[in-house]
PDB file of N, CA and C in Angstrom:
ATOM      1  N   MET A   1       0.808  -1.198   0.000  1.00  0.00           N
ATOM      2  CA  MET A   1       0.000   0.000   0.000  1.00  0.00           C
ATOM      3  C   MET A   1       0.849   1.260   0.000  1.00  0.00           C
ATOM      4  N   LYS A   2       2.091   1.119   0.446  1.00  0.00           N
ATOM      5  CA  LYS A   2       2.975   2.277   0.445  1.00  0.00           C
ATOM      6  C   LYS A   2       3.187   2.774  -0.984  1.00  0.00           C
ATOM      7  N   ASN A   3       3.281   1.858  -1.929  1.00  0.00           N
ATOM      8  CA  ASN A   3       3.433   2.228  -3.332  1.00  0.00           C
ATOM      9  C   ASN A   3       2.246   3.052  -3.816  1.00  0.00           C
ATOM     10  N   LEU A   4       1.038   2.660  -3.401  1.00  0.00           N
ATOM     11  CA  LEU A   4      -0.162   3.381  -3.802  1.00  0.00           C
ATOM     12  C   LEU A   4      -0.113   4.820  -3.287  1.00  0.00           C
ATOM     13  N   GLY A   5       0.368   5.005  -2.066  1.00  0.00           N
ATOM     14  CA  GLY A   5       0.512   6.353  -1.513  1.00  0.00           C
ATOM     15  C   GLY A   5       1.477   7.191  -2.318  1.00  0.00           C
ATOM     16  N   ASN A   6       2.584   6.588  -2.751  1.00  0.00           N
ATOM     17  CA  ASN A   6       3.565   7.298  -3.579  1.00  0.00           C
ATOM     18  C   ASN A   6       2.973   7.665  -4.932  1.00  0.00           C
ATOM     19  N   ILE A   7       2.222   6.731  -5.502  1.00  0.00           N
ATOM     20  CA  ILE A   7       1.606   6.991  -6.806  1.00  0.00           C
ATOM     21  C   ILE A   7       0.606   8.138  -6.696  1.00  0.00           C
ATOM     22  N   MET A   8      -0.205   8.129  -5.649  1.00  0.00           N
ATOM     23  CA  MET A   8      -1.189   9.198  -5.459  1.00  0.00           C
ATOM     24  C   MET A   8      -0.501  10.556  -5.276  1.00  0.00           C
ATOM     25  N   LYS A   9       0.607  10.580  -4.553  1.00  0.00           N
ATOM     26  CA  LYS A   9       1.368  11.815  -4.363  1.00  0.00           C
ATOM     27  C   LYS A   9       1.900  12.314  -5.706  1.00  0.00           C
ATOM     28  N   GLN A  10       2.410  11.387  -6.533  1.00  0.00           N
ATOM     29  CA  GLN A  10       2.924  11.765  -7.846  1.00  0.00           C
ATOM     30  C   GLN A  10       1.809  12.309  -8.732  1.00  0.00           C
ATOM     31  N   VAL A  11       0.630  11.686  -8.661  1.00  0.00           N
ATOM     32  CA  VAL A  11      -0.509  12.157  -9.446  1.00  0.00           C
ATOM     33  C   VAL A  11      -0.902  13.567  -9.010  1.00  0.00           C
ATOM     34  N   GLN A  12      -0.941  13.808  -7.704  1.00  0.00           N
ATOM     35  CA  GLN A  12      -1.275  15.138  -7.196  1.00  0.00           C
ATOM     36  C   GLN A  12      -0.248  16.171  -7.645  1.00  0.00           C
ATOM     37  N   ASP A  13       1.030  15.801  -7.581  1.00  0.00           N
ATOM     38  CA  ASP A  13       2.087  16.712  -8.033  1.00  0.00           C
ATOM     39  C   ASP A  13       1.927  17.016  -9.521  1.00  0.00           C
ATOM     40  N   MET A  14       1.621  15.985 -10.310  1.00  0.00           N
ATOM     41  CA  MET A  14       1.444  16.163 -11.748  1.00  0.00           C
ATOM     42  C   MET A  14       0.243  17.076 -12.014  1.00  0.00           C
ATOM     43  N   GLN A  15      -0.849  16.898 -11.273  1.00  0.00           N
ATOM     44  CA  GLN A  15      -2.015  17.751 -11.442  1.00  0.00           C
ATOM     45  C   GLN A  15      -1.687  19.198 -11.121  1.00  0.00           C
ATOM     46  N   THR A  16      -0.901  19.426 -10.085  1.00  0.00           N
ATOM     47  CA  THR A  16      -0.500  20.784  -9.722  1.00  0.00           C
ATOM     48  C   THR A  16       0.326  21.402 -10.841  1.00  0.00           C
ATOM     49  N   ARG A  17       1.293  20.645 -11.354  1.00  0.00           N
ATOM     50  CA  ARG A  17       2.132  21.156 -12.448  1.00  0.00           C
ATOM     51  C   ARG A  17       1.301  21.419 -13.699  1.00  0.00           C
ATOM     52  N   MET A  18       0.353  20.531 -13.999  1.00  0.00           N
ATOM     53  CA  MET A  18      -0.496  20.717 -15.179  1.00  0.00           C
ATOM     54  C   MET A  18      -1.362  21.961 -15.011  1.00  0.00           C
ATOM     55  N   SER A  19      -1.876  22.185 -13.829  1.00  0.00           N
ATOM     56  CA  SER A  19      -2.699  23.362 -13.564  1.00  0.00           C
ATOM     57  C   SER A  19      -1.878  24.635 -13.754  1.00  0.00           C
ATOM     58  N   GLU A  20      -0.661  24.645 -13.248  1.00  0.00           N
ATOM     59  CA  GLU A  20       0.224  25.805 -13.410  1.00  0.00           C
ATOM     60  C   GLU A  20       0.536  26.032 -14.881  1.00  0.00           C
ATOM     61  N   MET A  21       0.777  24.944 -15.628  1.00  0.00           N
ATOM     62  CA  MET A  21       1.079  25.063 -17.045  1.00  0.00           C
ATOM     63  C   MET A  21      -0.123  25.633 -17.797  1.00  0.00           C
ATOM     64  N   GLN A  22      -1.336  25.182 -17.457  1.00  0.00           N
ATOM     65  CA  GLN A  22      -2.532  25.678 -18.123  1.00  0.00           C
ATOM     66  C   GLN A  22      -2.721  27.171 -17.863  1.00  0.00           C
ATOM     67  N   GLU A  23      -2.403  27.631 -16.664  1.00  0.00           N
ATOM     68  CA  GLU A  23      -2.493  29.057 -16.370  1.00  0.00           C
ATOM     69  C   GLU A  23      -1.507  29.849 -17.220  1.00  0.00           C
ATOM     70  N   LYS A  24      -0.301  29.329 -17.366  1.00  0.00           N
ATOM     71  CA  LYS A  24       0.714  30.011 -18.168  1.00  0.00           C
ATOM     72  C   LYS A  24       0.319  30.054 -19.641  1.00  0.00           C
ATOM     73  N   LEU A  25      -0.393  29.012 -20.103  1.00  0.00           N
ATOM     74  CA  LEU A  25      -0.788  28.956 -21.509  1.00  0.00           C
ATOM     75  C   LEU A  25      -1.714  30.108 -21.884  1.00  0.00           C
ATOM     76  N   THR A  26      -2.492  30.603 -20.943  1.00  0.00           N
ATOM     77  CA  THR A  26      -3.384  31.715 -21.261  1.00  0.00           C
ATOM     78  C   THR A  26      -2.612  32.998 -21.519  1.00  0.00           C
ATOM     79  N   GLU A  27      -1.371  33.068 -21.051  1.00  0.00           N
ATOM     80  CA  GLU A  27      -0.556  34.266 -21.218  1.00  0.00           C
ATOM     81  C   GLU A  27       0.206  34.285 -22.545  1.00  0.00           C
ATOM     82  N   ILE A  28       0.393  33.113 -23.137  1.00  0.00           N
ATOM     83  CA  ILE A  28       1.146  33.014 -24.397  1.00  0.00           C
ATOM     84  C   ILE A  28       0.255  33.471 -25.548  1.00  0.00           C
ATOM     85  N   GLU A  29       0.805  34.232 -26.473  1.00  0.00           N
ATOM     86  CA  GLU A  29       0.066  34.629 -27.664  1.00  0.00           C
ATOM     87  C   GLU A  29       0.893  34.310 -28.891  1.00  0.00           C
ATOM     88  N   ILE A  30       0.246  33.654 -29.859  1.00  0.00           N
ATOM     89  CA  ILE A  30       0.905  33.267 -31.099  1.00  0.00           C
ATOM     90  C   ILE A  30       0.038  33.739 -32.251  1.00  0.00           C
ATOM     91  N   THR A  31       0.671  34.348 -33.248  1.00  0.00           N
ATOM     92  CA  THR A  31      -0.066  34.905 -34.383  1.00  0.00           C
ATOM     93  C   THR A  31       0.243  34.125 -35.647  1.00  0.00           C
ATOM     94  N   GLY A  32      -0.813  33.814 -36.372  1.00  0.00           N
ATOM     95  CA  GLY A  32      -0.691  33.176 -37.686  1.00  0.00           C
ATOM     96  C   GLY A  32      -1.229  34.136 -38.728  1.00  0.00           C
ATOM     97  N   SER A  33      -0.873  33.900 -39.975  1.00  0.00           N
ATOM     98  CA  SER A  33      -1.353  34.807 -41.021  1.00  0.00           C
ATOM     99  C   SER A  33      -1.654  34.034 -42.299  1.00  0.00           C
ATOM    100  N   SER A  34      -2.424  34.683 -43.159  1.00  0.00           N
ATOM    101  CA  SER A  34      -2.715  34.134 -44.480  1.00  0.00           C
ATOM    102  C   SER A  34      -2.824  35.292 -45.459  1.00  0.00           C
ATOM    103  N   GLY A  35      -2.857  34.957 -46.724  1.00  0.00           N
ATOM    104  CA  GLY A  35      -2.984  35.997 -47.743  1.00  0.00           C
ATOM    105  C   GLY A  35      -1.854  36.993 -47.687  1.00  0.00           C
ATOM    106  N   ALA A  36      -0.634  36.495 -47.556  1.00  0.00           N
ATOM    107  CA  ALA A  36       0.557  37.351 -47.494  1.00  0.00           C
ATOM    108  C   ALA A  36       0.431  38.397 -46.397  1.00  0.00           C
ATOM    109  N   GLY A  37      -0.158  37.996 -45.265  1.00  0.00           N
ATOM    110  CA  GLY A  37      -0.278  38.892 -44.129  1.00  0.00           C
ATOM    111  C   GLY A  37      -1.512  39.769 -44.147  1.00  0.00           C
ATOM    112  N   MET A  38      -2.406  39.566 -45.102  1.00  0.00           N
ATOM    113  CA  MET A  38      -3.603  40.399 -45.175  1.00  0.00           C
ATOM    114  C   MET A  38      -4.599  40.061 -44.060  1.00  0.00           C
ATOM    115  N   VAL A  39      -4.518  38.830 -43.546  1.00  0.00           N
ATOM    116  CA  VAL A  39      -5.355  38.429 -42.418  1.00  0.00           C
ATOM    117  C   VAL A  39      -4.447  37.791 -41.381  1.00  0.00           C
ATOM    118  N   THR A  40      -4.534  38.264 -40.140  1.00  0.00           N
ATOM    119  CA  THR A  40      -3.763  37.659 -39.055  1.00  0.00           C
ATOM    120  C   THR A  40      -4.715  37.296 -37.922  1.00  0.00           C
ATOM    121  N   ALA A  41      -4.398  36.191 -37.260  1.00  0.00           N
ATOM    122  CA  ALA A  41      -5.187  35.739 -36.118  1.00  0.00           C
ATOM    123  C   ALA A  41      -4.225  35.445 -34.976  1.00  0.00           C
ATOM    124  N   THR A  42      -4.563  35.913 -33.783  1.00  0.00           N
ATOM    125  CA  THR A  42      -3.733  35.699 -32.608  1.00  0.00           C
ATOM    126  C   THR A  42      -4.510  34.846 -31.614  1.00  0.00           C
ATOM    127  N   LEU A  43      -3.897  33.718 -31.220  1.00  0.00           N
ATOM    128  CA  LEU A  43      -4.488  32.810 -30.248  1.00  0.00           C
ATOM    129  C   LEU A  43      -3.608  32.758 -29.018  1.00  0.00           C
ATOM    130  N   ASN A  44      -4.231  32.439 -27.875  1.00  0.00           N
ATOM    131  CA  ASN A  44      -3.405  32.188 -26.705  1.00  0.00           C
ATOM    132  C   ASN A  44      -3.053  30.702 -26.680  1.00  0.00           C
ATOM    133  N   GLY A  45      -2.297  30.283 -25.694  1.00  0.00           N
ATOM    134  CA  GLY A  45      -1.829  28.904 -25.618  1.00  0.00           C
ATOM    135  C   GLY A  45      -2.922  27.887 -25.364  1.00  0.00           C
ATOM    136  N   LYS A  46      -4.142  28.359 -25.092  1.00  0.00           N
ATOM    137  CA  LYS A  46      -5.271  27.459 -24.889  1.00  0.00           C
ATOM    138  C   LYS A  46      -6.174  27.451 -26.120  1.00  0.00           C
ATOM    139  N   SER A  47      -5.654  27.936 -27.234  1.00  0.00           N
ATOM    140  CA  SER A  47      -6.360  27.992 -28.517  1.00  0.00           C
ATOM    141  C   SER A  47      -7.561  28.916 -28.515  1.00  0.00           C
ATOM    142  N   GLU A  48      -7.570  29.896 -27.635  1.00  0.00           N
ATOM    143  CA  GLU A  48      -8.633  30.889 -27.625  1.00  0.00           C
ATOM    144  C   GLU A  48      -8.220  32.031 -28.551  1.00  0.00           C
ATOM    145  N   LEU A  49      -9.089  32.353 -29.494  1.00  0.00           N
ATOM    146  CA  LEU A  49      -8.816  33.440 -30.415  1.00  0.00           C
ATOM    147  C   LEU A  49      -8.896  34.764 -29.667  1.00  0.00           C
ATOM    148  N   LYS A  50      -7.820  35.517 -29.666  1.00  0.00           N
ATOM    149  CA  LYS A  50      -7.755  36.779 -28.943  1.00  0.00           C
ATOM    150  C   LYS A  50      -7.975  37.985 -29.863  1.00  0.00           C
ATOM    151  N   ARG A  51      -7.399  37.923 -31.043  1.00  0.00           N
ATOM    152  CA  ARG A  51      -7.493  39.048 -31.975  1.00  0.00           C
ATOM    153  C   ARG A  51      -7.464  38.534 -33.400  1.00  0.00           C
ATOM    154  N   ILE A  52      -8.103  39.299 -34.253  1.00  0.00           N
ATOM    155  CA  ILE A  52      -7.996  39.047 -35.687  1.00  0.00           C
ATOM    156  C   ILE A  52      -7.855  40.405 -36.357  1.00  0.00           C
ATOM    157  N   LYS A  53      -7.019  40.466 -37.346  1.00  0.00           N
ATOM    158  CA  LYS A  53      -6.833  41.714 -38.086  1.00  0.00           C
ATOM    159  C   LYS A  53      -7.016  41.416 -39.570  1.00  0.00           C
ATOM    160  N   ILE A  54      -7.801  42.275 -40.215  1.00  0.00           N
ATOM    161  CA  ILE A  54      -8.071  42.119 -41.643  1.00  0.00           C
ATOM    162  C   ILE A  54      -7.612  43.396 -42.333  1.00  0.00           C
ATOM    163  N   ASP A  55      -6.813  43.221 -43.365  1.00  0.00           N
ATOM    164  CA  ASP A  55      -6.321  44.372 -44.116  1.00  0.00           C
ATOM    165  C   ASP A  55      -7.517  45.136 -44.683  1.00  0.00           C
ATOM    166  N   PRO A  56      -7.546  46.448 -44.499  1.00  0.00           N
ATOM    167  CA  PRO A  56      -8.684  47.249 -44.963  1.00  0.00           C
ATOM    168  C   PRO A  56      -8.983  47.129 -46.454  1.00  0.00           C
ATOM    169  N   VAL A  57      -8.024  46.739 -47.268  1.00  0.00           N
ATOM    170  CA  VAL A  57      -8.309  46.604 -48.697  1.00  0.00           C
ATOM    171  C   VAL A  57      -9.295  45.463 -48.963  1.00  0.00           C
ATOM    172  N   LEU A  58      -9.471  44.568 -47.990  1.00  0.00           N
ATOM    173  CA  LEU A  58     -10.382  43.442 -48.163  1.00  0.00           C
ATOM    174  C   LEU A  58     -11.823  43.771 -47.783  1.00  0.00           C
ATOM    175  N   VAL A  59     -12.022  44.846 -47.027  1.00  0.00           N
ATOM    176  CA  VAL A  59     -13.365  45.232 -46.563  1.00  0.00           C
ATOM    177  C   VAL A  59     -13.497  46.743 -46.574  1.00  0.00           C
ATOM    178  N   LYS A  60     -14.733  47.205 -46.342  1.00  0.00           N
ATOM    179  CA  LYS A  60     -14.922  48.638 -46.173  1.00  0.00           C
ATOM    180  C   LYS A  60     -14.241  49.033 -44.872  1.00  0.00           C
ATOM    181  N   PRO A  61     -13.334  49.992 -44.898  1.00  0.00           N
ATOM    182  CA  PRO A  61     -12.567  50.347 -43.702  1.00  0.00           C
ATOM    183  C   PRO A  61     -13.423  50.634 -42.473  1.00  0.00           C
ATOM    184  N   GLU A  62     -14.566  51.267 -42.651  1.00  0.00           N
ATOM    185  CA  GLU A  62     -15.392  51.608 -41.500  1.00  0.00           C
ATOM    186  C   GLU A  62     -16.079  50.382 -40.886  1.00  0.00           C
ATOM    187  N   GLU A  63     -16.076  49.247 -41.589  1.00  0.00           N
ATOM    188  CA  GLU A  63     -16.703  48.023 -41.092  1.00  0.00           C
ATOM    189  C   GLU A  63     -15.691  46.981 -40.618  1.00  0.00           C
ATOM    190  N   ALA A  64     -14.405  47.226 -40.817  1.00  0.00           N
ATOM    191  CA  ALA A  64     -13.376  46.228 -40.506  1.00  0.00           C
ATOM    192  C   ALA A  64     -13.373  45.821 -39.036  1.00  0.00           C
ATOM    193  N   GLU A  65     -13.449  46.780 -38.125  1.00  0.00           N
ATOM    194  CA  GLU A  65     -13.375  46.455 -36.699  1.00  0.00           C
ATOM    195  C   GLU A  65     -14.575  45.616 -36.258  1.00  0.00           C
ATOM    196  N   VAL A  66     -15.755  45.943 -36.743  1.00  0.00           N
ATOM    197  CA  VAL A  66     -16.955  45.166 -36.395  1.00  0.00           C
ATOM    198  C   VAL A  66     -16.809  43.744 -36.933  1.00  0.00           C
ATOM    199  N   LEU A  67     -16.343  43.605 -38.162  1.00  0.00           N
ATOM    200  CA  LEU A  67     -16.150  42.284 -38.759  1.00  0.00           C
ATOM    201  C   LEU A  67     -15.133  41.471 -37.968  1.00  0.00           C
ATOM    202  N   GLU A  68     -14.034  42.102 -37.556  1.00  0.00           N
ATOM    203  CA  GLU A  68     -13.015  41.411 -36.764  1.00  0.00           C
ATOM    204  C   GLU A  68     -13.596  40.904 -35.444  1.00  0.00           C
ATOM    205  N   ASP A  69     -14.369  41.747 -34.773  1.00  0.00           N
ATOM    206  CA  ASP A  69     -14.985  41.350 -33.506  1.00  0.00           C
ATOM    207  C   ASP A  69     -15.972  40.201 -33.699  1.00  0.00           C
ATOM    208  N   LEU A  70     -16.761  40.251 -34.770  1.00  0.00           N
ATOM    209  CA  LEU A  70     -17.726  39.186 -35.051  1.00  0.00           C
ATOM    210  C   LEU A  70     -17.027  37.860 -35.328  1.00  0.00           C
ATOM    211  N   ILE A  71     -15.904  37.902 -36.034  1.00  0.00           N
ATOM    212  CA  ILE A  71     -15.157  36.678 -36.326  1.00  0.00           C
ATOM    213  C   ILE A  71     -14.587  36.094 -35.038  1.00  0.00           C
ATOM    214  N   VAL A  72     -14.013  36.925 -34.187  1.00  0.00           N
ATOM    215  CA  VAL A  72     -13.480  36.452 -32.902  1.00  0.00           C
ATOM    216  C   VAL A  72     -14.596  35.786 -32.100  1.00  0.00           C
ATOM    217  N   ALA A  73     -15.752  36.428 -32.020  1.00  0.00           N
ATOM    218  CA  ALA A  73     -16.874  35.873 -31.252  1.00  0.00           C
ATOM    219  C   ALA A  73     -17.351  34.545 -31.842  1.00  0.00           C
ATOM    220  N   ALA A  74     -17.440  34.453 -33.154  1.00  0.00           N
ATOM    221  CA  ALA A  74     -17.910  33.224 -33.803  1.00  0.00           C
ATOM    222  C   ALA A  74     -16.936  32.070 -33.594  1.00  0.00           C
ATOM    223  N   VAL A  75     -15.655  32.342 -33.730  1.00  0.00           N
ATOM    224  CA  VAL A  75     -14.654  31.288 -33.542  1.00  0.00           C
ATOM    225  C   VAL A  75     -14.653  30.818 -32.091  1.00  0.00           C
ATOM    226  N   ASN A  76     -14.720  31.738 -31.145  1.00  0.00           N
ATOM    227  CA  ASN A  76     -14.731  31.348 -29.737  1.00  0.00           C
ATOM    228  C   ASN A  76     -16.016  30.609 -29.365  1.00  0.00           C
ATOM    229  N   ASP A  77     -17.138  30.954 -29.994  1.00  0.00           N
ATOM    230  CA  ASP A  77     -18.382  30.232 -29.776  1.00  0.00           C
ATOM    231  C   ASP A  77     -18.238  28.790 -30.266  1.00  0.00           C
ATOM    232  N   ALA A  78     -17.672  28.621 -31.446  1.00  0.00           N
ATOM    233  CA  ALA A  78     -17.456  27.278 -31.982  1.00  0.00           C
ATOM    234  C   ALA A  78     -16.504  26.481 -31.101  1.00  0.00           C
ATOM    235  N   ARG A  79     -15.448  27.115 -30.623  1.00  0.00           N
ATOM    236  CA  ARG A  79     -14.487  26.441 -29.764  1.00  0.00           C
ATOM    237  C   ARG A  79     -15.160  25.972 -28.477  1.00  0.00           C
ATOM    238  N   GLY A  80     -16.004  26.818 -27.904  1.00  0.00           N
ATOM    239  CA  GLY A  80     -16.734  26.447 -26.692  1.00  0.00           C
ATOM    240  C   GLY A  80     -17.648  25.255 -26.926  1.00  0.00           C
ATOM    241  N   LYS A  81     -18.303  25.230 -28.076  1.00  0.00           N
ATOM    242  CA  LYS A  81     -19.178  24.101 -28.412  1.00  0.00           C
ATOM    243  C   LYS A  81     -18.374  22.820 -28.580  1.00  0.00           C
ATOM    244  N   VAL A  82     -17.188  22.925 -29.166  1.00  0.00           N
ATOM    245  CA  VAL A  82     -16.322  21.753 -29.303  1.00  0.00           C
ATOM    246  C   VAL A  82     -15.915  21.240 -27.929  1.00  0.00           C
ATOM    247  N   GLU A  83     -15.551  22.139 -27.023  1.00  0.00           N
ATOM    248  CA  GLU A  83     -15.162  21.735 -25.667  1.00  0.00           C
ATOM    249  C   GLU A  83     -16.307  21.029 -24.948  1.00  0.00           C
ATOM    250  N   ARG A  84     -17.533  21.577 -25.067  1.00  0.00           N
ATOM    251  CA  ARG A  84     -18.687  20.944 -24.421  1.00  0.00           C
ATOM    252  C   ARG A  84     -18.946  19.563 -25.004  1.00  0.00           C
ATOM    253  N   HIS A  85     -18.861  19.453 -26.325  1.00  0.00           N
ATOM    254  CA  HIS A  85     -19.069  18.164 -26.979  1.00  0.00           C
ATOM    255  C   HIS A  85     -18.021  17.151 -26.531  1.00  0.00           C
ATOM    256  N   THR A  86     -16.774  17.588 -26.469  1.00  0.00           N
ATOM    257  CA  THR A  86     -15.684  16.711 -26.041  1.00  0.00           C
ATOM    258  C   THR A  86     -15.904  16.252 -24.607  1.00  0.00           C
ATOM    259  N   THR A  87     -16.321  17.169 -23.742  1.00  0.00           N
ATOM    260  CA  THR A  87     -16.586  16.825 -22.347  1.00  0.00           C
ATOM    261  C   THR A  87     -17.702  15.784 -22.254  1.00  0.00           C
ATOM    262  N   GLU A  88     -18.756  15.971 -23.031  1.00  0.00           N
ATOM    263  CA  GLU A  88     -19.863  15.011 -23.031  1.00  0.00           C
ATOM    264  C   GLU A  88     -19.394  13.633 -23.498  1.00  0.00           C
ATOM    265  N   GLU A  89     -18.625  13.621 -24.569  1.00  0.00           N
ATOM    266  CA  GLU A  89     -18.137  12.345 -25.103  1.00  0.00           C
ATOM    267  C   GLU A  89     -17.189  11.659 -24.127  1.00  0.00           C
ATOM    268  N   MET A  90     -16.339  12.442 -23.460  1.00  0.00           N
ATOM    269  CA  MET A  90     -15.423  11.865 -22.482  1.00  0.00           C
ATOM    270  C   MET A  90     -16.207  11.309 -21.299  1.00  0.00           C
ATOM    271  N   GLY A  91     -17.314  11.971 -20.934  1.00  0.00           N
ATOM    272  CA  GLY A  91     -18.168  11.482 -19.865  1.00  0.00           C
ATOM    273  C   GLY A  91     -18.750  10.123 -20.208  1.00  0.00           C
ATOM    274  N   LYS A  92     -19.138   9.959 -21.469  1.00  0.00           N
ATOM    275  CA  LYS A  92     -19.654   8.662 -21.916  1.00  0.00           C
ATOM    276  C   LYS A  92     -18.558   7.611 -21.841  1.00  0.00           C
ATOM    277  N   LEU A  93     -17.368   8.003 -22.235  1.00  0.00           N
ATOM    278  CA  LEU A  93     -16.236   7.085 -22.273  1.00  0.00           C
ATOM    279  C   LEU A  93     -15.820   6.636 -20.881  1.00  0.00           C
ATOM    280  N   THR A  94     -15.850   7.549 -19.930  1.00  0.00           N
ATOM    281  CA  THR A  94     -15.436   7.207 -18.567  1.00  0.00           C
ATOM    282  C   THR A  94     -16.583   6.611 -17.765  1.00  0.00           C
ATOM    283  N   GLY A  95     -17.752   6.499 -18.377  1.00  0.00           N
ATOM    284  CA  GLY A  95     -18.890   5.885 -17.713  1.00  0.00           C
ATOM    285  C   GLY A  95     -19.345   6.646 -16.492  1.00  0.00           C
ATOM    286  N   GLY A  96     -19.211   7.962 -16.523  1.00  0.00           N
ATOM    287  CA  GLY A  96     -19.638   8.767 -15.389  1.00  0.00           C
ATOM    288  C   GLY A  96     -18.675   8.713 -14.216  1.00  0.00           C
ATOM    289  N   LEU A  97     -17.493   8.135 -14.432  1.00  0.00           N
ATOM    290  CA  LEU A  97     -16.486   8.056 -13.374  1.00  0.00           C
ATOM    291  C   LEU A  97     -16.164   9.462 -12.895  1.00  0.00           C
ATOM    292  N   PRO A  98     -16.366   9.751 -11.627  1.00  0.00           N
ATOM    293  CA  PRO A  98     -16.083  11.105 -11.142  1.00  0.00           C
ATOM    294  C   PRO A  98     -14.578  11.365 -11.099  1.00  0.00           C
ATOM    295  N   LEU A  99     -14.140  12.336 -11.864  1.00  0.00           N
ATOM    296  CA  LEU A  99     -12.722  12.697 -11.886  1.00  0.00           C
ATOM    297  C   LEU A  99     -12.516  13.894 -10.963  1.00  0.00           C
ATOM    298  N   PRO A 100     -11.354  13.989 -10.341  1.00  0.00           N
ATOM    299  CA  PRO A 100     -11.065  15.121  -9.456  1.00  0.00           C
ATOM    300  C   PRO A 100     -11.145  16.444 -10.206  1.00  0.00           C
ATOM    301  N   PRO A 101     -11.483  17.533  -9.529  1.00  0.00           N
ATOM    302  CA  PRO A 101     -11.553  18.850 -10.180  1.00  0.00           C
ATOM    303  C   PRO A 101     -10.249  19.174 -10.891  1.00  0.00           C
ATOM    304  N   GLY A 102     -10.355  19.681 -12.105  1.00  0.00           N
ATOM    305  CA  GLY A 102      -9.170  20.050 -12.881  1.00  0.00           C
ATOM    306  C   GLY A 102      -8.517  18.902 -13.601  1.00  0.00           C
ATOM    307  N   PHE A 103      -8.999  17.682 -13.359  1.00  0.00           N
ATOM    308  CA  PHE A 103      -8.413  16.504 -13.975  1.00  0.00           C
ATOM    309  C   PHE A 103      -9.064  16.330 -15.338  1.00  0.00           C
ATOM    310  N   LYS A 104      -8.276  16.430 -16.389  1.00  0.00           N
ATOM    311  CA  LYS A 104      -8.822  16.346 -17.742  1.00  0.00           C
ATOM    312  C   LYS A 104      -8.176  15.198 -18.479  1.00  0.00           C
ATOM    313  N   LEU A 105      -8.947  14.556 -19.311  1.00  0.00           N
ATOM    314  CA  LEU A 105      -8.453  13.524 -20.191  1.00  0.00           C
ATOM    315  C   LEU A 105      -8.522  14.048 -21.600  1.00  0.00           C
ATOM    316  N   PRO A 106      -7.703  13.688 -22.529  1.00  0.00           N
ATOM    317  CA  PRO A 106      -6.486  12.911 -22.307  1.00  0.00           C
ATOM    318  C   PRO A 106      -5.426  13.749 -21.620  1.00  0.00           C
ATOM    319  N   PHE A 107      -4.450  13.078 -21.058  1.00  0.00           N
ATOM    320  CA  PHE A 107      -3.408  13.769 -20.276  1.00  0.00           C
ATOM    321  C   PHE A 107      -2.624  14.680 -21.133  1.00  0.00           C
TER     322      PHE A 107
END
């Protein structure tokens, strides 16, 4: 049983480290582009869309900011729906097994 205690301690330590890493991921920002830089999208380390920029030559300049905001909202809405769907499917897979708070599969 001593081994089980060590394993549980290691799991708790791993969960703590994973939680800290997930917090740090929200601070990271990475930008991708397409159309020779005419469209750029910036995501954080948790794949949340933070910003999008569209070159004004592609749209009416006075509408560009509204369009950018709408795209960010739509992408984040879709991402949220994917997360909910994944959570539901994982719940089916684990058979309702109660997992500790913050414990996510796959590792």
